[in-house]
Amino acid sequence: MANPWFESVAEAQRRAKKRLPSSVYSALLAGNEKGTSYDDNITAFSKIELAPHVAGLHSERELSTTFMGHAISFPVVTSPTGVQCVHPDGEIAIARATAARGTAMVLGSFGSKPLADVIAANPLTFFQIYWMGTRDQMLERLAYARDLGAKGIMLTLDWSFATGRDWGSPVIPERIGFKTMVQFAPQVIVKPKWLVSFARGGGIPDLRTPNLKNEAGATPTFFGAYYEWMQTPPCTWEDLAWLRSQWEGPFMLKGICRVDDAKRTVDAGFSSLSVSNHGGNNIDSTPAPIRVLPSIVRAVGDQVEIVMDGGIRRGSDVVKAVALGAKAVMIGRPYLWALAANGQAGVENVLDILRSGIDSTVYALGHKSIRDLSPADVFVPAGFTRTLGADGSKQ
């Protein structure tokens, strides 16, 4: 029997590709149009260099920090994703894995498992929402999260309607029925282990969103919820300030790339923001978040908690982001690949890989605590950073 343990995120991705039906694996890659942003999110980290010491190092390091005001054991949190059909346990496995490693998770409102079950597995769970539906419906979702004990809210805005890919978008069914099973049979039949895992876990995944029930108690399909989001008029900054005022706890706005938007986020009263381009799945040619992070930190870093997501594949990537001002980072594809590869144990595996990489990098940089990281620990080449929306300029 092959060793289920893997030693890198890249290996988790290879195993996920080997195990998953082609359409499911392709859906995880995401990206938009040519994939310029998707590629830059990853490759930009390699252009930042580290400045290690060789003596006076510390035999023990402290990696703990906070995320939206709550203590976590190291600065990595799992970000929200849609319906997870890569493994039958879905977000429950993510919750158990993050709890086992002392960190938080954010459950997506389009997720496949009920919020109550996820919180039972990891009490340090935050709930993600979109601006969709009426104001009354938005208030119902906040009440739903509050009543079940979510630690905070994340509002995702970095997702556009442009979803085409030059290399082809996967076919994702509205629901799983007999006709769908026949259509996808050629893909699934060659991935028997994936099929067997769902057979043992209760059957083929149901592409529904249990955290978005309507007044009649009906649960929409993923695409039904997606259609509602598409039909909702875009929010204004006044809408965002109103929504923020309806939640007393931590509230993050996700999707900031511009300095002017970061300042408006602060003005609207949000306690946290995430520098993000939705993993390259928003409008293509948006700079990698690590490129715009320094300008946003300079503008509002003393007024709001800043986290970053996009392109994290190694512990040293996390250290670079923290050195440039992020409080923590969020990961998406790495934990999904790990989930596909080996369920809960796979997610714990990838979290351990990142933690180990963070620890060894902090050690080499000569720090006792991750909180001591600063821009002096990295070399950022000329022309690397981007400043968007500063007094209307782009640099």
Protein backbone atom coordinates (compact mmCIF):
# COMPACT_ATOMS: atom_id res chain seq x y z
CA MET A 1 0.00 0.00 0.00
CA ALA A 2 1.35 3.41 -0.97
CA ASN A 3 2.29 5.78 1.84
CA PRO A 4 -0.65 8.22 2.23
CA TRP A 5 1.68 10.92 3.59
CA PHE A 6 2.94 13.58 1.17
CA GLU A 7 5.76 16.06 1.65
CA SER A 8 4.60 19.06 -0.38
CA VAL A 9 1.52 20.84 -1.67
CA ALA A 10 2.70 19.92 -5.17
CA GLU A 11 2.51 16.24 -4.26
CA ALA A 12 -1.00 16.72 -2.84
CA GLN A 13 -1.99 18.28 -6.16
CA ARG A 14 -0.53 15.37 -8.14
CA ARG A 15 -2.40 12.86 -6.01
CA ALA A 16 -5.64 14.83 -6.31
CA LYS A 17 -5.31 14.88 -10.10
CA LYS A 18 -4.72 11.13 -10.11
CA ARG A 19 -7.73 10.42 -7.87
CA LEU A 20 -10.41 12.83 -9.13
CA PRO A 21 -12.59 12.74 -12.25
CA SER A 22 -11.20 15.20 -14.78
CA SER A 23 -14.06 17.71 -14.49
CA VAL A 24 -13.83 17.77 -10.70
CA TYR A 25 -10.08 18.31 -10.79
CA SER A 26 -10.42 21.01 -13.45
CA ALA A 27 -12.99 22.83 -11.30
CA LEU A 28 -10.42 23.06 -8.51
CA LEU A 29 -7.88 24.73 -10.78
CA ALA A 30 -10.33 27.55 -11.50
CA GLY A 31 -8.55 30.62 -12.86
CA ASN A 32 -10.08 32.92 -15.44
CA GLU A 33 -9.51 33.64 -19.14
CA LYS A 34 -5.79 33.19 -19.92
CA GLY A 35 -4.91 32.47 -16.28
CA THR A 36 -2.45 35.36 -15.96
CA SER A 37 -3.52 36.18 -12.41
CA TYR A 38 -3.61 32.52 -11.41
CA ASP A 39 -0.02 32.07 -12.55
CA ASP A 40 1.21 35.34 -11.07
CA ASN A 41 -0.32 34.54 -7.68
CA ILE A 42 2.06 31.59 -7.42
CA THR A 43 5.18 32.72 -9.25
CA ALA A 44 5.35 36.18 -7.64
CA PHE A 45 6.45 34.65 -4.34
CA SER A 46 9.61 33.26 -5.95
CA LYS A 47 10.72 36.79 -6.86
CA ILE A 48 10.87 37.81 -3.18
CA GLU A 49 14.15 36.80 -1.55
CA LEU A 50 14.87 35.99 2.10
CA ALA A 51 17.69 37.34 4.28
CA PRO A 52 18.79 34.53 6.65
CA HIS A 53 21.22 34.67 9.56
CA VAL A 54 23.75 31.95 10.41
CA ALA A 55 24.27 32.40 14.18
CA GLY A 56 22.37 33.64 17.20
CA LEU A 57 19.34 31.60 16.10
CA HIS A 58 16.61 30.45 18.47
CA SER A 59 16.06 26.79 19.28
CA GLU A 60 12.32 27.34 19.76
CA ARG A 61 9.94 29.57 17.84
CA GLU A 62 6.51 30.98 18.65
CA LEU A 63 4.20 30.86 15.63
CA SER A 64 0.87 31.79 17.20
CA THR A 65 -1.06 34.86 16.12
CA THR A 66 -4.66 36.02 15.84
CA PHE A 67 -7.25 35.90 13.09
CA MET A 68 -10.19 38.29 13.32
CA GLY A 69 -9.42 38.73 16.99
CA HIS A 70 -9.19 35.03 17.86
CA ALA A 71 -6.02 33.16 18.78
CA ILE A 72 -4.70 30.57 16.29
CA SER A 73 -1.62 28.37 16.61
CA PHE A 74 0.01 29.55 13.37
CA PRO A 75 -0.91 32.10 10.69
CA VAL A 76 -2.77 29.84 8.23
CA VAL A 77 -6.58 29.62 7.95
CA THR A 78 -8.65 27.64 5.44
CA SER A 79 -10.65 29.95 3.20
CA PRO A 80 -14.24 29.35 2.05
CA THR A 81 -14.95 27.41 -1.13
CA GLY A 82 -18.10 26.21 -2.86
CA VAL A 83 -19.71 22.77 -2.75
CA GLN A 84 -16.89 20.33 -2.04
CA CYS A 85 -17.37 17.15 -4.02
CA VAL A 86 -13.74 16.06 -3.80
CA HIS A 87 -14.39 13.97 -0.68
CA PRO A 88 -17.61 12.78 1.00
CA ASP A 89 -16.71 14.40 4.35
CA GLY A 90 -16.24 17.82 2.72
CA GLU A 91 -16.12 20.72 5.15
CA ILE A 92 -16.51 18.43 8.17
CA ALA A 93 -13.08 16.99 7.40
CA ILE A 94 -11.71 20.53 7.04
CA ALA A 95 -13.22 21.52 10.39
CA ARG A 96 -11.77 18.52 12.20
CA ALA A 97 -8.36 19.01 10.62
CA THR A 98 -8.13 22.72 11.42
CA ALA A 99 -9.33 22.08 14.98
CA ALA A 100 -6.69 19.39 15.39
CA ARG A 101 -4.02 21.87 14.30
CA GLY A 102 -5.31 24.75 16.42
CA THR A 103 -6.45 27.07 13.68
CA ALA A 104 -9.65 28.47 12.21
CA MET A 105 -11.71 27.79 9.13
CA VAL A 106 -14.18 29.86 7.14
CA LEU A 107 -17.24 28.01 5.87
CA GLY A 108 -18.61 29.24 2.55
CA SER A 109 -22.33 29.93 2.32
CA PHE A 110 -22.27 27.86 -0.90
CA GLY A 111 -20.65 25.01 1.06
CA SER A 112 -21.93 21.44 1.18
CA LYS A 113 -22.26 20.90 4.94
CA PRO A 114 -24.53 22.67 7.47
CA LEU A 115 -22.93 25.37 9.56
CA ALA A 116 -24.09 23.71 12.81
CA ASP A 117 -22.22 20.49 11.96
CA VAL A 118 -19.06 22.38 11.00
CA ILE A 119 -19.07 24.44 14.21
CA ALA A 120 -19.55 21.25 16.22
CA ALA A 121 -16.33 19.95 14.63
CA ASN A 122 -14.43 23.23 15.02
CA PRO A 123 -15.88 25.94 17.27
CA LEU A 124 -13.45 28.43 15.71
CA THR A 125 -15.52 28.65 12.53
CA PHE A 126 -16.33 31.84 10.65
CA PHE A 127 -19.15 32.15 8.10
CA GLN A 128 -18.74 33.60 4.62
CA ILE A 129 -21.52 35.35 2.72
CA TYR A 130 -22.05 37.12 -0.60
CA TRP A 131 -24.04 40.26 -1.29
CA MET A 132 -27.09 38.48 -2.69
CA GLY A 133 -30.81 38.78 -2.34
CA THR A 134 -32.66 41.46 -0.39
CA ARG A 135 -31.51 43.24 2.73
CA ASP A 136 -33.96 41.13 4.73
CA GLN A 137 -32.37 37.97 3.35
CA MET A 138 -28.93 39.29 4.28
CA LEU A 139 -30.16 39.89 7.82
CA GLU A 140 -31.53 36.35 7.96
CA ARG A 141 -28.12 34.95 7.06
CA LEU A 142 -26.44 37.03 9.75
CA ALA A 143 -29.01 35.84 12.30
CA TYR A 144 -28.46 32.25 11.15
CA ALA A 145 -24.71 32.56 11.72
CA ARG A 146 -25.17 34.37 15.04
CA ASP A 147 -27.62 31.82 16.42
CA LEU A 148 -25.34 28.90 15.56
CA GLY A 149 -22.27 30.49 17.10
CA ALA A 150 -20.14 31.59 14.14
CA LYS A 151 -17.17 33.59 15.40
CA GLY A 152 -17.37 36.21 12.69
CA ILE A 153 -18.50 37.05 9.17
CA MET A 154 -16.59 37.33 5.91
CA LEU A 155 -18.17 39.13 2.97
CA THR A 156 -16.68 38.09 -0.37
CA LEU A 157 -16.72 40.69 -3.15
CA ASP A 158 -13.78 39.60 -5.34
CA TRP A 159 -15.77 37.44 -7.73
CA SER A 160 -16.97 38.64 -11.12
CA PHE A 161 -19.27 37.18 -13.76
CA ALA A 162 -16.32 36.50 -16.12
CA THR A 163 -15.75 32.76 -15.75
CA GLY A 164 -14.51 31.61 -19.17
CA ARG A 165 -11.12 29.95 -19.53
CA ASP A 166 -8.95 29.86 -22.61
CA TRP A 167 -8.12 26.24 -21.81
CA GLY A 168 -11.78 25.29 -21.33
CA SER A 169 -14.11 25.40 -18.34
CA PRO A 170 -15.32 22.11 -16.85
CA VAL A 171 -18.93 21.03 -17.15
CA ILE A 172 -20.53 21.21 -13.69
CA PRO A 173 -24.07 19.78 -13.47
CA GLU A 174 -27.00 21.59 -11.88
CA ARG A 175 -27.90 18.43 -9.94
CA ILE A 176 -26.95 14.76 -9.90
CA GLY A 177 -29.54 12.57 -11.67
CA PHE A 178 -29.58 9.52 -13.92
CA LYS A 179 -28.85 11.51 -17.08
CA THR A 180 -25.94 13.28 -15.36
CA MET A 181 -24.51 9.99 -14.13
CA VAL A 182 -24.60 8.60 -17.67
CA GLN A 183 -22.96 11.77 -19.03
CA PHE A 184 -20.09 11.65 -16.53
CA ALA A 185 -19.72 7.87 -16.38
CA PRO A 186 -16.64 7.78 -18.67
CA GLN A 187 -14.81 10.14 -16.30
CA VAL A 188 -15.93 8.46 -13.09
CA ILE A 189 -15.47 4.83 -14.11
CA VAL A 190 -11.71 5.33 -14.45
CA LYS A 191 -11.54 6.79 -10.93
CA PRO A 192 -12.95 3.88 -8.89
CA LYS A 193 -11.40 4.91 -5.56
CA TRP A 194 -13.15 8.28 -5.68
CA LEU A 195 -16.47 6.62 -6.57
CA VAL A 196 -16.12 4.01 -3.82
CA SER A 197 -15.38 6.69 -1.21
CA PHE A 198 -18.71 8.36 -1.96
CA ALA A 199 -20.56 5.04 -2.08
CA ARG A 200 -19.28 4.34 1.45
CA GLY A 201 -20.01 7.90 2.53
CA GLY A 202 -23.69 7.85 1.61
CA GLY A 203 -23.78 8.22 -2.16
CA ILE A 204 -22.93 10.58 -5.00
CA PRO A 205 -22.58 14.19 -3.79
CA ASP A 206 -25.69 16.36 -3.79
CA LEU A 207 -24.80 19.76 -5.26
CA ARG A 208 -26.91 21.74 -2.82
CA THR A 209 -26.21 24.59 -0.42
CA PRO A 210 -27.71 23.71 3.02
CA ASN A 211 -26.80 27.10 4.52
CA LEU A 212 -28.98 29.05 2.09
CA LYS A 213 -32.47 27.68 2.77
CA ASN A 214 -35.35 29.86 1.63
CA GLU A 215 -38.50 30.81 3.56
CA ALA A 216 -40.13 27.52 2.62
CA GLY A 217 -37.16 25.60 3.96
CA ALA A 218 -36.02 24.48 0.52
CA THR A 219 -32.30 24.17 -0.16
CA PRO A 220 -31.17 25.63 -3.51
CA THR A 221 -28.70 23.95 -5.78
CA PHE A 222 -25.29 25.53 -6.18
CA PHE A 223 -26.36 27.07 -9.48
CA GLY A 224 -29.68 28.18 -8.04
CA ALA A 225 -27.77 30.15 -5.41
CA TYR A 226 -25.33 31.35 -8.06
CA TYR A 227 -28.25 32.64 -10.17
CA GLU A 228 -29.63 34.58 -7.19
CA TRP A 229 -26.23 36.17 -6.68
CA MET A 230 -26.02 37.14 -10.36
CA GLN A 231 -29.47 38.74 -10.25
CA THR A 232 -28.73 40.88 -7.19
CA PRO A 233 -27.78 44.51 -7.97
CA PRO A 234 -24.18 45.30 -6.98
CA CYS A 235 -23.72 46.73 -3.50
CA THR A 236 -22.65 50.29 -2.73
CA TRP A 237 -20.31 51.45 0.03
CA GLU A 238 -23.41 52.67 1.85
CA ASP A 239 -24.83 49.13 1.63
CA LEU A 240 -21.60 47.74 3.06
CA ALA A 241 -21.59 50.20 5.97
CA TRP A 242 -25.19 49.23 6.72
CA LEU A 243 -24.39 45.51 6.61
CA ARG A 244 -21.38 45.96 8.87
CA SER A 245 -23.55 47.75 11.41
CA GLN A 246 -25.80 44.69 11.65
CA TRP A 247 -23.09 42.44 13.10
CA GLU A 248 -21.46 43.17 16.44
CA GLY A 249 -18.46 40.84 16.13
CA PRO A 250 -15.50 40.54 13.76
CA PHE A 251 -16.38 41.26 10.12
CA MET A 252 -14.00 40.90 7.18
CA LEU A 253 -14.31 42.31 3.67
CA LYS A 254 -12.59 40.00 1.19
CA GLY A 255 -11.23 41.03 -2.18
CA ILE A 256 -9.26 44.24 -1.71
CA CYS A 257 -6.62 45.11 -4.33
CA ARG A 258 -6.72 48.92 -4.28
CA VAL A 259 -5.65 51.47 -1.72
CA ASP A 260 -8.79 53.55 -2.15
CA ASP A 261 -10.99 50.50 -1.57
CA ALA A 262 -8.95 49.60 1.52
CA LYS A 263 -9.56 53.08 2.94
CA ARG A 264 -13.28 52.81 2.22
CA THR A 265 -13.31 49.44 3.96
CA VAL A 266 -11.96 51.13 7.08
CA ASP A 267 -14.47 53.97 6.76
CA ALA A 268 -17.30 51.44 6.49
CA GLY A 269 -16.28 50.00 9.85
CA PHE A 270 -14.96 46.56 8.91
CA SER A 271 -12.56 45.06 11.42
CA SER A 272 -10.57 43.03 8.85
CA LEU A 273 -9.85 42.92 5.15
CA SER A 274 -8.34 40.31 2.89
CA VAL A 275 -6.04 41.31 0.07
CA SER A 276 -7.21 38.95 -2.66
CA ASN A 277 -8.09 38.40 -6.30
CA HIS A 278 -10.15 35.28 -5.57
CA GLY A 279 -7.26 32.98 -6.38
CA GLY A 280 -7.04 34.33 -9.91
CA ASN A 281 -10.71 33.50 -10.45
CA ASN A 282 -11.84 37.12 -10.60
CA ILE A 283 -11.04 39.43 -13.52
CA ASP A 284 -7.83 38.22 -15.17
CA SER A 285 -4.67 40.39 -15.22
CA THR A 286 -5.29 41.55 -11.65
CA PRO A 287 -1.88 41.66 -9.91
CA ALA A 288 -0.98 38.92 -7.45
CA PRO A 289 -2.12 39.88 -3.92
CA ILE A 290 1.47 39.72 -2.62
CA ARG A 291 2.33 42.53 -5.08
CA VAL A 292 -0.33 44.92 -3.77
CA LEU A 293 -0.10 43.91 -0.10
CA PRO A 294 2.68 46.41 0.87
CA SER A 295 0.80 49.43 -0.48
CA ILE A 296 -2.38 48.47 1.38
CA VAL A 297 -0.43 47.85 4.60
CA ARG A 298 1.15 51.31 4.31
CA ALA A 299 -2.23 52.91 3.77
CA VAL A 300 -4.39 51.24 6.45
CA GLY A 301 -2.26 48.68 8.30
CA ASP A 302 -2.50 50.60 11.57
CA GLN A 303 -6.31 50.80 11.35
CA VAL A 304 -7.52 47.34 10.36
CA GLU A 305 -6.39 43.71 10.49
CA ILE A 306 -4.99 42.67 7.11
CA VAL A 307 -4.81 39.10 5.86
CA MET A 308 -3.92 37.85 2.40
CA ASP A 309 -4.95 34.95 0.22
CA GLY A 310 -3.79 33.75 -3.17
CA GLY A 311 -0.88 31.62 -4.32
CA ILE A 312 0.30 30.19 -0.97
CA ARG A 313 2.05 26.88 -1.62
CA ARG A 314 4.88 26.80 0.96
CA GLY A 315 5.59 27.89 4.50
CA SER A 316 8.12 30.41 3.20
CA ASP A 317 5.29 32.03 1.20
CA VAL A 318 3.41 32.57 4.46
CA VAL A 319 6.50 34.12 6.06
CA LYS A 320 6.95 36.51 3.13
CA ALA A 321 3.34 37.66 3.41
CA VAL A 322 3.60 38.17 7.17
CA ALA A 323 6.92 40.02 6.79
CA LEU A 324 5.20 42.41 4.39
CA GLY A 325 2.38 43.12 6.82
CA ALA A 326 -0.25 40.39 6.70
CA LYS A 327 -1.51 39.11 10.05
CA ALA A 328 -2.22 35.70 8.55
CA VAL A 329 -2.96 34.04 5.23
CA MET A 330 -5.82 31.95 3.90
CA ILE A 331 -5.40 28.89 1.69
CA GLY A 332 -7.84 27.32 -0.77
CA ARG A 333 -6.59 24.91 -3.42
CA PRO A 334 -3.86 23.36 -1.21
CA TYR A 335 -6.33 22.05 1.34
CA LEU A 336 -8.79 20.95 -1.36
CA TRP A 337 -6.07 18.93 -3.10
CA ALA A 338 -5.10 17.48 0.27
CA LEU A 339 -8.74 16.66 1.06
CA ALA A 340 -9.07 14.85 -2.26
CA ALA A 341 -5.81 13.00 -1.70
CA ASN A 342 -6.46 11.70 1.81
CA GLY A 343 -9.47 13.25 3.53
CA GLN A 344 -9.05 14.78 6.98
CA ALA A 345 -5.57 13.27 7.36
CA GLY A 346 -4.57 14.89 4.07
CA VAL A 347 -5.68 18.33 5.28
CA GLU A 348 -3.77 17.87 8.53
CA ASN A 349 -0.82 16.78 6.38
CA VAL A 350 -0.82 19.97 4.30
CA LEU A 351 -1.25 22.16 7.39
CA ASP A 352 1.75 20.42 8.93
CA ILE A 353 3.78 21.04 5.76
CA LEU A 354 3.01 24.75 5.89
CA ARG A 355 3.65 25.00 9.63
CA SER A 356 6.99 23.22 9.29
CA GLY A 357 8.00 25.53 6.45
CA ILE A 358 7.01 28.59 8.46
CA ASP A 359 8.97 27.37 11.48
CA SER A 360 12.17 26.62 9.56
CA THR A 361 12.02 29.97 7.75
CA VAL A 362 11.44 31.96 10.95
CA TYR A 363 14.37 30.02 12.47
CA ALA A 364 16.70 30.89 9.58
CA LEU A 365 15.68 34.54 9.74
CA GLY A 366 16.84 34.63 13.35
CA HIS A 367 13.53 35.31 15.05
CA LYS A 368 12.02 33.80 18.17
CA SER A 369 8.47 34.78 17.22
CA ILE A 370 6.64 35.17 13.94
CA ARG A 371 5.44 38.50 15.28
CA ASP A 372 9.00 39.81 14.95
CA LEU A 373 8.99 39.49 11.15
CA SER A 374 9.35 42.73 9.18
CA PRO A 375 10.18 43.94 5.67
CA ALA A 376 13.86 43.83 6.69
CA ASP A 377 13.66 40.03 6.47
CA VAL A 378 12.93 40.03 2.74
CA PHE A 379 14.29 41.63 -0.41
CA VAL A 380 11.62 42.89 -2.78
CA PRO A 381 13.08 43.72 -6.20
CA ALA A 382 12.45 47.03 -7.91
CA GLY A 383 9.27 47.03 -9.93
CA PHE A 384 7.75 44.10 -8.02
CA THR A 385 5.06 45.88 -6.02
CA ARG A 386 1.92 47.46 -7.41
CA THR A 387 -0.01 50.40 -6.00
CA LEU A 388 -3.56 50.52 -7.32
CA GLY A 389 -6.07 53.26 -6.61
CA ALA A 390 -3.83 55.63 -4.66
CA ASP A 391 -5.26 59.10 -5.47
CA GLY A 392 -6.47 57.63 -8.73
CA SER A 393 -2.99 56.49 -9.80
CA LYS A 394 -1.63 53.08 -10.72
CA GLN A 395 2.10 52.55 -10.17
